[in-house]
Amino acid sequence: MGGVAGGALTGCGPGKMSVSSQNVYTNNYYVTGVGYYHAPFRGWYALPYNHFDPQTQRYFYGGQWGTMPFESITNLSSPTPEVAAAAQAQRTDISHSNVPRSGFGSSSRGGSHVWS
């Protein structure tokens, strides 16, 4: 599977590759306009996998907060076709918009979930 991952990601920096269920993404792979890929959860989120918030003393993973970091042997995967299509549509909407974007907002407002 490492060969597939290398082929899908070779020469493609963040934001240059289209989002597809045929691609294999490593954990925390960032796509502009979509967010960070959480491989065990097969989706994109505004915050990196196991992001630690010092104020709440919690870790973010897969759209939720926990008291301990999430541990998984899954460090690469492919998103479902539905998740990939929604994420690609989000990228397309942002790239065709003339409205300046300022990011995903504050994590305290609960806006951390992007696509899963």
Protein backbone atom coordinates (compact mmCIF):
# COMPACT_ATOMS: atom_id res chain seq x y z
CA MET A 1 0.00 0.00 0.00
CA GLY A 2 2.98 2.30 0.48
CA GLY A 3 3.54 2.32 -3.29
CA VAL A 4 -0.02 3.46 -3.86
CA ALA A 5 0.35 6.23 -1.30
CA GLY A 6 3.58 7.39 -2.85
CA GLY A 7 2.06 7.42 -6.31
CA ALA A 8 -0.99 9.36 -5.21
CA LEU A 9 1.02 12.01 -3.38
CA THR A 10 4.23 12.30 -5.40
CA GLY A 11 4.80 15.78 -6.77
CA CYS A 12 1.57 17.15 -5.31
CA GLY A 13 1.90 19.76 -2.66
CA PRO A 14 -1.00 20.79 -0.48
CA GLY A 15 -3.80 22.30 -2.52
CA LYS A 16 -2.56 21.08 -5.91
CA MET A 17 -4.19 17.66 -5.96
CA SER A 18 -7.88 17.07 -6.55
CA VAL A 19 -9.70 15.24 -3.78
CA SER A 20 -10.74 11.75 -4.83
CA SER A 21 -11.75 8.46 -3.25
CA GLN A 22 -9.17 6.89 -5.58
CA ASN A 23 -6.32 8.72 -3.82
CA VAL A 24 -4.65 7.54 -0.64
CA TYR A 25 -3.96 10.24 1.93
CA THR A 26 -1.62 10.10 4.91
CA ASN A 27 -2.81 11.16 8.33
CA ASN A 28 -2.78 14.97 8.71
CA TYR A 29 -2.38 15.56 4.96
CA TYR A 30 -3.54 19.14 4.38
CA VAL A 31 -5.65 20.22 1.39
CA THR A 32 -6.28 23.94 0.93
CA GLY A 33 -9.94 24.79 1.35
CA VAL A 34 -10.72 21.39 2.86
CA GLY A 35 -8.51 20.89 5.92
CA TYR A 36 -6.53 18.07 7.51
CA TYR A 37 -7.20 14.44 6.62
CA HIS A 38 -7.75 12.13 9.60
CA ALA A 39 -6.92 8.74 8.08
CA PRO A 40 -8.58 6.57 10.76
CA PHE A 41 -11.84 8.51 10.26
CA ARG A 42 -11.61 8.86 6.45
CA GLY A 43 -12.51 12.55 6.52
CA TRP A 44 -11.21 16.13 6.59
CA TYR A 45 -11.34 18.43 9.59
CA ALA A 46 -10.30 22.02 10.33
CA LEU A 47 -7.80 20.95 13.00
CA PRO A 48 -4.91 18.49 12.73
CA TYR A 49 -5.32 14.95 14.03
CA ASN A 50 -4.78 14.83 17.81
CA HIS A 51 -4.52 18.62 18.04
CA PHE A 52 -4.14 19.52 21.73
CA ASP A 53 -6.03 22.49 23.14
CA PRO A 54 -4.15 23.67 26.24
CA GLN A 55 -7.14 25.66 27.48
CA THR A 56 -9.51 22.66 27.62
CA GLN A 57 -6.77 20.03 28.05
CA ARG A 58 -8.39 17.94 25.27
CA TYR A 59 -7.30 16.39 21.97
CA PHE A 60 -9.19 16.75 18.68
CA TYR A 61 -9.64 13.78 16.33
CA GLY A 62 -12.34 12.69 13.91
CA GLY A 63 -14.68 15.56 14.74
CA GLN A 64 -14.65 15.09 18.50
CA TRP A 65 -12.64 16.04 21.57
CA GLY A 66 -11.14 13.51 23.98
CA THR A 67 -9.11 13.55 27.17
CA MET A 68 -6.42 11.33 25.61
CA PRO A 69 -4.93 11.36 22.10
CA PHE A 70 -6.60 8.88 19.75
CA GLU A 71 -4.34 5.96 18.89
CA SER A 72 -4.78 3.96 15.71
CA ILE A 73 -2.59 1.84 13.46
CA THR A 74 -4.29 3.48 10.46
CA ASN A 75 -1.98 6.19 9.15
CA LEU A 76 -3.21 6.29 5.55
CA SER A 77 -6.54 5.63 3.86
CA SER A 78 -8.90 6.75 1.12
CA PRO A 79 -12.01 8.83 1.79
CA THR A 80 -15.41 7.42 0.87
CA PRO A 81 -16.74 8.57 -2.52
CA GLU A 82 -19.31 10.80 -0.78
CA VAL A 83 -16.71 12.46 1.45
CA ALA A 84 -14.32 12.97 -1.47
CA ALA A 85 -17.04 14.51 -3.66
CA ALA A 86 -18.15 16.90 -0.90
CA ALA A 87 -14.55 17.94 -0.17
CA GLN A 88 -13.76 18.49 -3.87
CA ALA A 89 -16.95 20.56 -4.23
CA GLN A 90 -15.84 22.68 -1.26
CA ARG A 91 -12.46 23.28 -2.89
CA THR A 92 -14.11 24.20 -6.19
CA ASP A 93 -16.52 26.62 -4.49
CA ILE A 94 -13.67 28.34 -2.68
CA SER A 95 -11.41 28.56 -5.73
CA HIS A 96 -14.19 30.15 -7.82
CA SER A 97 -15.28 32.61 -5.16
CA ASN A 98 -14.22 36.24 -5.13
CA VAL A 99 -14.98 36.45 -1.42
CA PRO A 100 -11.87 36.46 0.77
CA ARG A 101 -11.81 33.55 3.18
CA SER A 102 -10.26 33.79 6.63
CA GLY A 103 -10.15 30.13 7.61
CA PHE A 104 -12.37 27.83 9.59
CA GLY A 105 -13.18 30.02 12.57
CA SER A 106 -12.65 29.40 16.24
CA SER A 107 -12.54 25.86 17.60
CA SER A 108 -14.47 27.09 20.62
CA ARG A 109 -17.49 27.63 18.37
CA GLY A 110 -17.48 23.97 17.40
CA GLY A 111 -16.62 24.62 13.75
CA SER A 112 -13.91 21.98 13.65
CA HIS A 113 -15.59 19.39 11.49
CA VAL A 114 -15.03 19.79 7.76
CA TRP A 115 -15.92 16.57 5.90
CA SER A 116 -16.34 13.03 7.06
